[in-house]
PDB file of N, CA and C in Angstrom:
ATOM      1  N   MET A   1     -18.078 -35.326  31.832  1.00  0.00           N
ATOM      2  CA  MET A   1     -18.630 -34.236  32.609  1.00  0.00           C
ATOM      3  C   MET A   1     -18.412 -32.926  31.841  1.00  0.00           C
ATOM      4  N   ALA A   2     -19.453 -32.109  31.768  1.00  0.00           N
ATOM      5  CA  ALA A   2     -19.385 -30.838  31.046  1.00  0.00           C
ATOM      6  C   ALA A   2     -18.575 -29.822  31.845  1.00  0.00           C
ATOM      7  N   LYS A   3     -17.782 -29.047  31.122  1.00  0.00           N
ATOM      8  CA  LYS A   3     -16.986 -27.986  31.746  1.00  0.00           C
ATOM      9  C   LYS A   3     -17.910 -26.828  32.119  1.00  0.00           C
ATOM     10  N   PRO A   4     -17.834 -26.332  33.360  1.00  0.00           N
ATOM     11  CA  PRO A   4     -18.698 -25.209  33.740  1.00  0.00           C
ATOM     12  C   PRO A   4     -18.324 -23.947  32.975  1.00  0.00           C
ATOM     13  N   ASP A   5     -19.312 -23.109  32.750  1.00  0.00           N
ATOM     14  CA  ASP A   5     -19.059 -21.848  32.068  1.00  0.00           C
ATOM     15  C   ASP A   5     -18.192 -20.943  32.950  1.00  0.00           C
ATOM     16  N   VAL A   6     -17.209 -20.325  32.343  1.00  0.00           N
ATOM     17  CA  VAL A   6     -16.324 -19.383  33.034  1.00  0.00           C
ATOM     18  C   VAL A   6     -16.829 -17.981  32.717  1.00  0.00           C
ATOM     19  N   PRO A   7     -16.999 -17.108  33.722  1.00  0.00           N
ATOM     20  CA  PRO A   7     -17.451 -15.747  33.440  1.00  0.00           C
ATOM     21  C   PRO A   7     -16.501 -15.051  32.472  1.00  0.00           C
ATOM     22  N   LYS A   8     -17.065 -14.220  31.594  1.00  0.00           N
ATOM     23  CA  LYS A   8     -16.279 -13.532  30.578  1.00  0.00           C
ATOM     24  C   LYS A   8     -16.736 -12.088  30.443  1.00  0.00           C
ATOM     25  N   VAL A   9     -15.819 -11.224  29.987  1.00  0.00           N
ATOM     26  CA  VAL A   9     -16.135  -9.834  29.677  1.00  0.00           C
ATOM     27  C   VAL A   9     -15.582  -9.495  28.299  1.00  0.00           C
ATOM     28  N   LEU A  10     -16.127  -8.456  27.699  1.00  0.00           N
ATOM     29  CA  LEU A  10     -15.684  -7.985  26.392  1.00  0.00           C
ATOM     30  C   LEU A  10     -14.713  -6.827  26.586  1.00  0.00           C
ATOM     31  N   THR A  11     -13.549  -6.930  25.962  1.00  0.00           N
ATOM     32  CA  THR A  11     -12.538  -5.887  26.064  1.00  0.00           C
ATOM     33  C   THR A  11     -12.026  -5.516  24.679  1.00  0.00           C
ATOM     34  N   GLY A  12     -11.439  -4.354  24.607  1.00  0.00           N
ATOM     35  CA  GLY A  12     -10.835  -3.880  23.370  1.00  0.00           C
ATOM     36  C   GLY A  12      -9.994  -2.653  23.671  1.00  0.00           C
ATOM     37  N   ASN A  13      -9.510  -2.029  22.626  1.00  0.00           N
ATOM     38  CA  ASN A  13      -8.751  -0.793  22.763  1.00  0.00           C
ATOM     39  C   ASN A  13      -9.415   0.279  21.916  1.00  0.00           C
ATOM     40  N   LEU A  14      -9.558   1.466  22.484  1.00  0.00           N
ATOM     41  CA  LEU A  14     -10.137   2.565  21.730  1.00  0.00           C
ATOM     42  C   LEU A  14      -9.273   2.887  20.527  1.00  0.00           C
ATOM     43  N   LEU A  15      -9.903   3.093  19.415  1.00  0.00           N
ATOM     44  CA  LEU A  15      -9.176   3.392  18.187  1.00  0.00           C
ATOM     45  C   LEU A  15      -8.480   4.748  18.274  1.00  0.00           C
ATOM     46  N   ARG A  16      -9.104   5.717  18.944  1.00  0.00           N
ATOM     47  CA  ARG A  16      -8.557   7.082  18.944  1.00  0.00           C
ATOM     48  C   ARG A  16      -7.299   7.251  19.788  1.00  0.00           C
ATOM     49  N   ASN A  17      -7.132   6.412  20.869  1.00  0.00           N
ATOM     50  CA  ASN A  17      -5.949   6.604  21.715  1.00  0.00           C
ATOM     51  C   ASN A  17      -5.328   5.306  22.236  1.00  0.00           C
ATOM     52  N   GLY A  18      -5.892   4.167  21.906  1.00  0.00           N
ATOM     53  CA  GLY A  18      -5.332   2.883  22.304  1.00  0.00           C
ATOM     54  C   GLY A  18      -5.646   2.439  23.719  1.00  0.00           C
ATOM     55  N   ALA A  19      -6.424   3.225  24.465  1.00  0.00           N
ATOM     56  CA  ALA A  19      -6.736   2.870  25.847  1.00  0.00           C
ATOM     57  C   ALA A  19      -7.532   1.566  25.914  1.00  0.00           C
ATOM     58  N   THR A  20      -7.213   0.728  26.901  1.00  0.00           N
ATOM     59  CA  THR A  20      -7.954  -0.508  27.131  1.00  0.00           C
ATOM     60  C   THR A  20      -9.315  -0.158  27.717  1.00  0.00           C
ATOM     61  N   VAL A  21     -10.368  -0.749  27.164  1.00  0.00           N
ATOM     62  CA  VAL A  21     -11.728  -0.489  27.621  1.00  0.00           C
ATOM     63  C   VAL A  21     -12.506  -1.797  27.732  1.00  0.00           C
ATOM     64  N   TYR A  22     -13.618  -1.738  28.472  1.00  0.00           N
ATOM     65  CA  TYR A  22     -14.479  -2.883  28.736  1.00  0.00           C
ATOM     66  C   TYR A  22     -15.921  -2.489  28.460  1.00  0.00           C
ATOM     67  N   TYR A  23     -16.667  -3.390  27.831  1.00  0.00           N
ATOM     68  CA  TYR A  23     -18.057  -3.113  27.488  1.00  0.00           C
ATOM     69  C   TYR A  23     -18.943  -3.271  28.720  1.00  0.00           C
ATOM     70  N   THR A  24     -19.753  -2.251  29.009  1.00  0.00           N
ATOM     71  CA  THR A  24     -20.585  -2.238  30.212  1.00  0.00           C
ATOM     72  C   THR A  24     -22.010  -2.732  29.981  1.00  0.00           C
ATOM     73  N   GLY A  25     -22.365  -2.933  28.747  1.00  0.00           N
ATOM     74  CA  GLY A  25     -23.745  -3.259  28.408  1.00  0.00           C
ATOM     75  C   GLY A  25     -24.402  -2.110  27.673  1.00  0.00           C
ATOM     76  N   LYS A  26     -23.806  -0.916  27.802  1.00  0.00           N
ATOM     77  CA  LYS A  26     -24.311   0.285  27.127  1.00  0.00           C
ATOM     78  C   LYS A  26     -23.195   1.059  26.434  1.00  0.00           C
ATOM     79  N   GLU A  27     -22.017   1.085  27.076  1.00  0.00           N
ATOM     80  CA  GLU A  27     -20.898   1.886  26.572  1.00  0.00           C
ATOM     81  C   GLU A  27     -19.602   1.195  26.938  1.00  0.00           C
ATOM     82  N   TRP A  28     -18.499   1.882  26.739  1.00  0.00           N
ATOM     83  CA  TRP A  28     -17.181   1.342  27.053  1.00  0.00           C
ATOM     84  C   TRP A  28     -16.615   2.094  28.248  1.00  0.00           C
ATOM     85  N   SER A  29     -16.008   1.357  29.194  1.00  0.00           N
ATOM     86  CA  SER A  29     -15.430   1.935  30.400  1.00  0.00           C
ATOM     87  C   SER A  29     -13.949   1.568  30.476  1.00  0.00           C
ATOM     88  N   ALA A  30     -13.172   2.402  31.123  1.00  0.00           N
ATOM     89  CA  ALA A  30     -11.753   2.122  31.325  1.00  0.00           C
ATOM     90  C   ALA A  30     -11.530   1.095  32.435  1.00  0.00           C
ATOM     91  N   TYR A  31     -12.577   0.721  33.146  1.00  0.00           N
ATOM     92  CA  TYR A  31     -12.445  -0.132  34.321  1.00  0.00           C
ATOM     93  C   TYR A  31     -13.134  -1.474  34.135  1.00  0.00           C
ATOM     94  N   VAL A  32     -12.383  -2.545  34.375  1.00  0.00           N
ATOM     95  CA  VAL A  32     -12.922  -3.896  34.229  1.00  0.00           C
ATOM     96  C   VAL A  32     -14.062  -4.145  35.222  1.00  0.00           C
ATOM     97  N   ALA A  33     -14.049  -3.497  36.367  1.00  0.00           N
ATOM     98  CA  ALA A  33     -15.118  -3.676  37.358  1.00  0.00           C
ATOM     99  C   ALA A  33     -16.473  -3.212  36.828  1.00  0.00           C
ATOM    100  N   ASP A  34     -16.481  -2.328  35.829  1.00  0.00           N
ATOM    101  CA  ASP A  34     -17.732  -1.833  35.243  1.00  0.00           C
ATOM    102  C   ASP A  34     -18.287  -2.756  34.164  1.00  0.00           C
ATOM    103  N   ALA A  35     -17.526  -3.764  33.772  1.00  0.00           N
ATOM    104  CA  ALA A  35     -17.882  -4.591  32.617  1.00  0.00           C
ATOM    105  C   ALA A  35     -19.113  -5.449  32.849  1.00  0.00           C
ATOM    106  N   LYS A  36     -19.845  -5.645  31.775  1.00  0.00           N
ATOM    107  CA  LYS A  36     -20.960  -6.592  31.768  1.00  0.00           C
ATOM    108  C   LYS A  36     -20.357  -7.986  31.707  1.00  0.00           C
ATOM    109  N   VAL A  37     -20.815  -8.889  32.579  1.00  0.00           N
ATOM    110  CA  VAL A  37     -20.255 -10.227  32.654  1.00  0.00           C
ATOM    111  C   VAL A  37     -21.186 -11.229  31.975  1.00  0.00           C
ATOM    112  N   ALA A  38     -20.596 -12.050  31.123  1.00  0.00           N
ATOM    113  CA  ALA A  38     -21.324 -13.143  30.489  1.00  0.00           C
ATOM    114  C   ALA A  38     -21.122 -14.388  31.346  1.00  0.00           C
ATOM    115  N   ALA A  39     -22.219 -14.953  31.830  1.00  0.00           N
ATOM    116  CA  ALA A  39     -22.129 -16.123  32.701  1.00  0.00           C
ATOM    117  C   ALA A  39     -22.283 -17.439  31.940  1.00  0.00           C
ATOM    118  N   THR A  40     -22.780 -17.370  30.716  1.00  0.00           N
ATOM    119  CA  THR A  40     -23.003 -18.580  29.927  1.00  0.00           C
ATOM    120  C   THR A  40     -22.333 -18.436  28.560  1.00  0.00           C
ATOM    121  N   ALA A  41     -22.233 -19.558  27.869  1.00  0.00           N
ATOM    122  CA  ALA A  41     -21.646 -19.530  26.523  1.00  0.00           C
ATOM    123  C   ALA A  41     -22.497 -18.683  25.577  1.00  0.00           C
ATOM    124  N   ASP A  42     -23.809 -18.725  25.714  1.00  0.00           N
ATOM    125  CA  ASP A  42     -24.690 -17.909  24.858  1.00  0.00           C
ATOM    126  C   ASP A  42     -24.474 -16.421  25.111  1.00  0.00           C
ATOM    127  N   GLU A  43     -24.324 -16.033  26.375  1.00  0.00           N
ATOM    128  CA  GLU A  43     -24.069 -14.633  26.700  1.00  0.00           C
ATOM    129  C   GLU A  43     -22.697 -14.204  26.177  1.00  0.00           C
ATOM    130  N   ALA A  44     -21.711 -15.091  26.248  1.00  0.00           N
ATOM    131  CA  ALA A  44     -20.382 -14.782  25.719  1.00  0.00           C
ATOM    132  C   ALA A  44     -20.437 -14.603  24.204  1.00  0.00           C
ATOM    133  N   GLU A  45     -21.225 -15.406  23.530  1.00  0.00           N
ATOM    134  CA  GLU A  45     -21.377 -15.265  22.080  1.00  0.00           C
ATOM    135  C   GLU A  45     -22.038 -13.935  21.736  1.00  0.00           C
ATOM    136  N   GLU A  46     -22.984 -13.503  22.546  1.00  0.00           N
ATOM    137  CA  GLU A  46     -23.613 -12.196  22.335  1.00  0.00           C
ATOM    138  C   GLU A  46     -22.581 -11.075  22.492  1.00  0.00           C
ATOM    139  N   LEU A  47     -21.697 -11.190  23.490  1.00  0.00           N
ATOM    140  CA  LEU A  47     -20.631 -10.203  23.644  1.00  0.00           C
ATOM    141  C   LEU A  47     -19.706 -10.208  22.431  1.00  0.00           C
ATOM    142  N   ARG A  48     -19.407 -11.387  21.888  1.00  0.00           N
ATOM    143  CA  ARG A  48     -18.556 -11.465  20.691  1.00  0.00           C
ATOM    144  C   ARG A  48     -19.192 -10.696  19.529  1.00  0.00           C
ATOM    145  N   LYS A  49     -20.499 -10.848  19.370  1.00  0.00           N
ATOM    146  CA  LYS A  49     -21.214 -10.144  18.296  1.00  0.00           C
ATOM    147  C   LYS A  49     -21.171  -8.633  18.512  1.00  0.00           C
ATOM    148  N   ILE A  50     -21.353  -8.198  19.737  1.00  0.00           N
ATOM    149  CA  ILE A  50     -21.280  -6.766  20.061  1.00  0.00           C
ATOM    150  C   ILE A  50     -19.876  -6.245  19.768  1.00  0.00           C
ATOM    151  N   GLY A  51     -18.869  -7.023  20.137  1.00  0.00           N
ATOM    152  CA  GLY A  51     -17.488  -6.638  19.861  1.00  0.00           C
ATOM    153  C   GLY A  51     -17.208  -6.543  18.372  1.00  0.00           C
ATOM    154  N   ALA A  52     -17.712  -7.490  17.597  1.00  0.00           N
ATOM    155  CA  ALA A  52     -17.515  -7.465  16.147  1.00  0.00           C
ATOM    156  C   ALA A  52     -18.171  -6.236  15.535  1.00  0.00           C
ATOM    157  N   ALA A  53     -19.350  -5.878  16.020  1.00  0.00           N
ATOM    158  CA  ALA A  53     -20.050  -4.691  15.518  1.00  0.00           C
ATOM    159  C   ALA A  53     -19.286  -3.415  15.883  1.00  0.00           C
ATOM    160  N   ALA A  54     -18.751  -3.355  17.108  1.00  0.00           N
ATOM    161  CA  ALA A  54     -17.975  -2.182  17.537  1.00  0.00           C
ATOM    162  C   ALA A  54     -16.687  -2.064  16.723  1.00  0.00           C
ATOM    163  N   TYR A  55     -16.075  -3.188  16.399  1.00  0.00           N
ATOM    164  CA  TYR A  55     -14.876  -3.186  15.559  1.00  0.00           C
ATOM    165  C   TYR A  55     -15.218  -2.694  14.153  1.00  0.00           C
ATOM    166  N   ALA A  56     -16.316  -3.204  13.597  1.00  0.00           N
ATOM    167  CA  ALA A  56     -16.739  -2.801  12.253  1.00  0.00           C
ATOM    168  C   ALA A  56     -17.074  -1.311  12.196  1.00  0.00           C
ATOM    169  N   ALA A  57     -17.546  -0.751  13.313  1.00  0.00           N
ATOM    170  CA  ALA A  57     -17.886   0.672  13.380  1.00  0.00           C
ATOM    171  C   ALA A  57     -16.675   1.544  13.730  1.00  0.00           C
ATOM    172  N   ASN A  58     -15.490   0.935  13.798  1.00  0.00           N
ATOM    173  CA  ASN A  58     -14.250   1.651  14.120  1.00  0.00           C
ATOM    174  C   ASN A  58     -14.271   2.317  15.495  1.00  0.00           C
ATOM    175  N   LEU A  59     -14.937   1.677  16.462  1.00  0.00           N
ATOM    176  CA  LEU A  59     -14.929   2.188  17.830  1.00  0.00           C
ATOM    177  C   LEU A  59     -13.774   1.620  18.631  1.00  0.00           C
ATOM    178  N   VAL A  60     -13.483   0.318  18.416  1.00  0.00           N
ATOM    179  CA  VAL A  60     -12.431  -0.365  19.156  1.00  0.00           C
ATOM    180  C   VAL A  60     -11.655  -1.304  18.228  1.00  0.00           C
ATOM    181  N   ILE A  61     -10.441  -1.622  18.665  1.00  0.00           N
ATOM    182  CA  ILE A  61      -9.632  -2.621  17.972  1.00  0.00           C
ATOM    183  C   ILE A  61      -9.206  -3.665  19.001  1.00  0.00           C
ATOM    184  N   ASP A  62      -8.560  -4.736  18.548  1.00  0.00           N
ATOM    185  CA  ASP A  62      -8.098  -5.816  19.419  1.00  0.00           C
ATOM    186  C   ASP A  62      -9.213  -6.282  20.355  1.00  0.00           C
ATOM    187  N   VAL A  63     -10.376  -6.561  19.786  1.00  0.00           N
ATOM    188  CA  VAL A  63     -11.560  -6.950  20.544  1.00  0.00           C
ATOM    189  C   VAL A  63     -11.452  -8.418  20.953  1.00  0.00           C
ATOM    190  N   ASN A  64     -11.699  -8.688  22.239  1.00  0.00           N
ATOM    191  CA  ASN A  64     -11.649 -10.051  22.757  1.00  0.00           C
ATOM    192  C   ASN A  64     -12.671 -10.239  23.870  1.00  0.00           C
ATOM    193  N   VAL A  65     -13.180 -11.451  23.970  1.00  0.00           N
ATOM    194  CA  VAL A  65     -13.970 -11.858  25.122  1.00  0.00           C
ATOM    195  C   VAL A  65     -13.018 -12.663  25.996  1.00  0.00           C
ATOM    196  N   VAL A  66     -12.786 -12.194  27.228  1.00  0.00           N
ATOM    197  CA  VAL A  66     -11.764 -12.790  28.087  1.00  0.00           C
ATOM    198  C   VAL A  66     -12.363 -13.310  29.388  1.00  0.00           C
ATOM    199  N   ASP A  67     -11.697 -14.305  29.963  1.00  0.00           N
ATOM    200  CA  ASP A  67     -12.126 -14.895  31.228  1.00  0.00           C
ATOM    201  C   ASP A  67     -11.859 -13.944  32.385  1.00  0.00           C
ATOM    202  N   VAL A  68     -12.795 -13.938  33.339  1.00  0.00           N
ATOM    203  CA  VAL A  68     -12.601 -13.201  34.585  1.00  0.00           C
ATOM    204  C   VAL A  68     -12.934 -14.119  35.745  1.00  0.00           C
ATOM    205  N   GLN A  69     -12.412 -13.782  36.904  1.00  0.00           N
ATOM    206  CA  GLN A  69     -12.726 -14.538  38.108  1.00  0.00           C
ATOM    207  C   GLN A  69     -14.095 -14.106  38.607  1.00  0.00           C
ATOM    208  N   PRO A  70     -14.845 -15.033  39.186  1.00  0.00           N
ATOM    209  CA  PRO A  70     -16.201 -14.692  39.661  1.00  0.00           C
ATOM    210  C   PRO A  70     -16.165 -13.887  40.959  1.00  0.00           C
ATOM    211  N   THR A  71     -15.695 -12.644  40.860  1.00  0.00           N
ATOM    212  CA  THR A  71     -15.646 -11.731  41.999  1.00  0.00           C
ATOM    213  C   THR A  71     -16.394 -10.456  41.628  1.00  0.00           C
ATOM    214  N   ALA A  72     -16.676  -9.635  42.598  1.00  0.00           N
ATOM    215  CA  ALA A  72     -17.386  -8.374  42.346  1.00  0.00           C
ATOM    216  C   ALA A  72     -16.574  -7.441  41.463  1.00  0.00           C
ATOM    217  N   GLU A  73     -15.241  -7.530  41.535  1.00  0.00           N
ATOM    218  CA  GLU A  73     -14.375  -6.649  40.756  1.00  0.00           C
ATOM    219  C   GLU A  73     -14.106  -7.186  39.355  1.00  0.00           C
ATOM    220  N   HIS A  74     -14.558  -8.407  39.047  1.00  0.00           N
ATOM    221  CA  HIS A  74     -14.307  -9.053  37.751  1.00  0.00           C
ATOM    222  C   HIS A  74     -12.817  -9.112  37.447  1.00  0.00           C
ATOM    223  N   THR A  75     -12.015  -9.518  38.396  1.00  0.00           N
ATOM    224  CA  THR A  75     -10.571  -9.606  38.207  1.00  0.00           C
ATOM    225  C   THR A  75     -10.251 -10.529  37.041  1.00  0.00           C
ATOM    226  N   PRO A  76      -9.463 -10.071  36.083  1.00  0.00           N
ATOM    227  CA  PRO A  76      -9.107 -10.929  34.951  1.00  0.00           C
ATOM    228  C   PRO A  76      -8.432 -12.219  35.422  1.00  0.00           C
ATOM    229  N   ALA A  77      -8.671 -13.297  34.687  1.00  0.00           N
ATOM    230  CA  ALA A  77      -8.166 -14.612  35.077  1.00  0.00           C
ATOM    231  C   ALA A  77      -6.757 -14.889  34.567  1.00  0.00           C
ATOM    232  N   HIS A  78      -6.268 -14.111  33.620  1.00  0.00           N
ATOM    233  CA  HIS A  78      -4.956 -14.359  33.025  1.00  0.00           C
ATOM    234  C   HIS A  78      -4.072 -13.122  33.167  1.00  0.00           C
ATOM    235  N   ILE A  79      -2.774 -13.345  33.308  1.00  0.00           N
ATOM    236  CA  ILE A  79      -1.835 -12.254  33.582  1.00  0.00           C
ATOM    237  C   ILE A  79      -1.852 -11.181  32.497  1.00  0.00           C
ATOM    238  N   ARG A  80      -1.986 -11.569  31.242  1.00  0.00           N
ATOM    239  CA  ARG A  80      -2.025 -10.572  30.160  1.00  0.00           C
ATOM    240  C   ARG A  80      -3.157  -9.584  30.396  1.00  0.00           C
ATOM    241  N   GLU A  81      -4.306 -10.094  30.786  1.00  0.00           N
ATOM    242  CA  GLU A  81      -5.474  -9.235  30.998  1.00  0.00           C
ATOM    243  C   GLU A  81      -5.344  -8.421  32.284  1.00  0.00           C
ATOM    244  N   VAL A  82      -4.672  -8.954  33.294  1.00  0.00           N
ATOM    245  CA  VAL A  82      -4.415  -8.171  34.509  1.00  0.00           C
ATOM    246  C   VAL A  82      -3.559  -6.964  34.152  1.00  0.00           C
ATOM    247  N   ILE A  83      -2.529  -7.176  33.333  1.00  0.00           N
ATOM    248  CA  ILE A  83      -1.659  -6.072  32.913  1.00  0.00           C
ATOM    249  C   ILE A  83      -2.443  -5.056  32.094  1.00  0.00           C
ATOM    250  N   ARG A  84      -3.287  -5.521  31.186  1.00  0.00           N
ATOM    251  CA  ARG A  84      -4.092  -4.590  30.377  1.00  0.00           C
ATOM    252  C   ARG A  84      -5.052  -3.799  31.262  1.00  0.00           C
ATOM    253  N   ALA A  85      -5.579  -4.423  32.324  1.00  0.00           N
ATOM    254  CA  ALA A  85      -6.541  -3.759  33.205  1.00  0.00           C
ATOM    255  C   ALA A  85      -5.898  -2.747  34.137  1.00  0.00           C
ATOM    256  N   THR A  86      -4.631  -2.960  34.496  1.00  0.00           N
ATOM    257  CA  THR A  86      -4.017  -2.106  35.512  1.00  0.00           C
ATOM    258  C   THR A  86      -2.948  -1.172  34.979  1.00  0.00           C
ATOM    259  N   GLY A  87      -2.512  -1.361  33.759  1.00  0.00           N
ATOM    260  CA  GLY A  87      -1.559  -0.427  33.189  1.00  0.00           C
ATOM    261  C   GLY A  87      -0.184  -1.025  32.991  1.00  0.00           C
ATOM    262  N   PRO A  88       0.758  -0.194  32.591  1.00  0.00           N
ATOM    263  CA  PRO A  88       2.090  -0.687  32.259  1.00  0.00           C
ATOM    264  C   PRO A  88       2.814  -1.276  33.464  1.00  0.00           C
ATOM    265  N   THR A  89       3.734  -2.179  33.184  1.00  0.00           N
ATOM    266  CA  THR A  89       4.494  -2.821  34.256  1.00  0.00           C
ATOM    267  C   THR A  89       5.819  -2.120  34.527  1.00  0.00           C
ATOM    268  N   VAL A  90       6.192  -1.179  33.697  1.00  0.00           N
ATOM    269  CA  VAL A  90       7.492  -0.537  33.857  1.00  0.00           C
ATOM    270  C   VAL A  90       7.437   0.784  34.606  1.00  0.00           C
ATOM    271  N   ARG A  91       6.287   1.426  34.652  1.00  0.00           N
ATOM    272  CA  ARG A  91       6.151   2.711  35.355  1.00  0.00           C
ATOM    273  C   ARG A  91       4.949   2.629  36.276  1.00  0.00           C
ATOM    274  N   ARG A  92       5.181   2.292  37.506  1.00  0.00           N
ATOM    275  CA  ARG A  92       4.091   2.135  38.477  1.00  0.00           C
ATOM    276  C   ARG A  92       3.277   3.419  38.653  1.00  0.00           C
ATOM    277  N   ASP A  93       3.863   4.582  38.403  1.00  0.00           N
ATOM    278  CA  ASP A  93       3.143   5.841  38.552  1.00  0.00           C
ATOM    279  C   ASP A  93       2.073   6.013  37.478  1.00  0.00           C
ATOM    280  N   LEU A  94       2.087   5.185  36.432  1.00  0.00           N
ATOM    281  CA  LEU A  94       1.079   5.263  35.379  1.00  0.00           C
ATOM    282  C   LEU A  94      -0.037   4.237  35.559  1.00  0.00           C
ATOM    283  N   ASN A  95       0.092   3.364  36.549  1.00  0.00           N
ATOM    284  CA  ASN A  95      -0.896   2.319  36.755  1.00  0.00           C
ATOM    285  C   ASN A  95      -2.242   2.895  37.191  1.00  0.00           C
ATOM    286  N   LYS A  96      -3.280   2.121  36.952  1.00  0.00           N
ATOM    287  CA  LYS A  96      -4.620   2.470  37.399  1.00  0.00           C
ATOM    288  C   LYS A  96      -5.197   1.284  38.144  1.00  0.00           C
ATOM    289  N   SER A  97      -6.269   1.494  38.852  1.00  0.00           N
ATOM    290  CA  SER A  97      -6.933   0.387  39.519  1.00  0.00           C
ATOM    291  C   SER A  97      -7.896  -0.267  38.530  1.00  0.00           C
ATOM    292  N   MET A  98      -8.507  -1.362  38.937  1.00  0.00           N
ATOM    293  CA  MET A  98      -9.453  -2.054  38.068  1.00  0.00           C
ATOM    294  C   MET A  98     -10.851  -1.468  38.158  1.00  0.00           C
ATOM    295  N   SER A  99     -11.047  -0.507  39.073  1.00  0.00           N
ATOM    296  CA  SER A  99     -12.332   0.169  39.184  1.00  0.00           C
ATOM    297  C   SER A  99     -12.100   1.646  39.442  1.00  0.00           C
ATOM    298  N   ALA A 100     -13.143   2.443  39.238  1.00  0.00           N
ATOM    299  CA  ALA A 100     -13.032   3.883  39.409  1.00  0.00           C
ATOM    300  C   ALA A 100     -12.932   4.282  40.878  1.00  0.00           C
ATOM    301  N   GLU A 101     -13.281   3.404  41.760  1.00  0.00           N
ATOM    302  CA  GLU A 101     -13.279   3.723  43.203  1.00  0.00           C
ATOM    303  C   GLU A 101     -11.922   3.629  43.814  1.00  0.00           C
TER     304      GLU A 101
END
């Protein structure tokens, strides 16, 4: 039986300040909820290519296509990505939400 495609988003860190960002389909956003979601392996491969081009252009570093849960907020599926999406774990006053709202 074939494994179903897991939704994915493209993430990286801005080169100028290290902030975690997500590709929206047009630009980079600080919020995972704004991210363009790849629903198929072909769409995920397209995100990988976009990430490689952004890395080559020195826009972002640590570029990855990561799994997200199939929700409206695109909640990351793994704890590492949840931490990257919401901020540091040691100073709760520095945390952010996963969306601008």
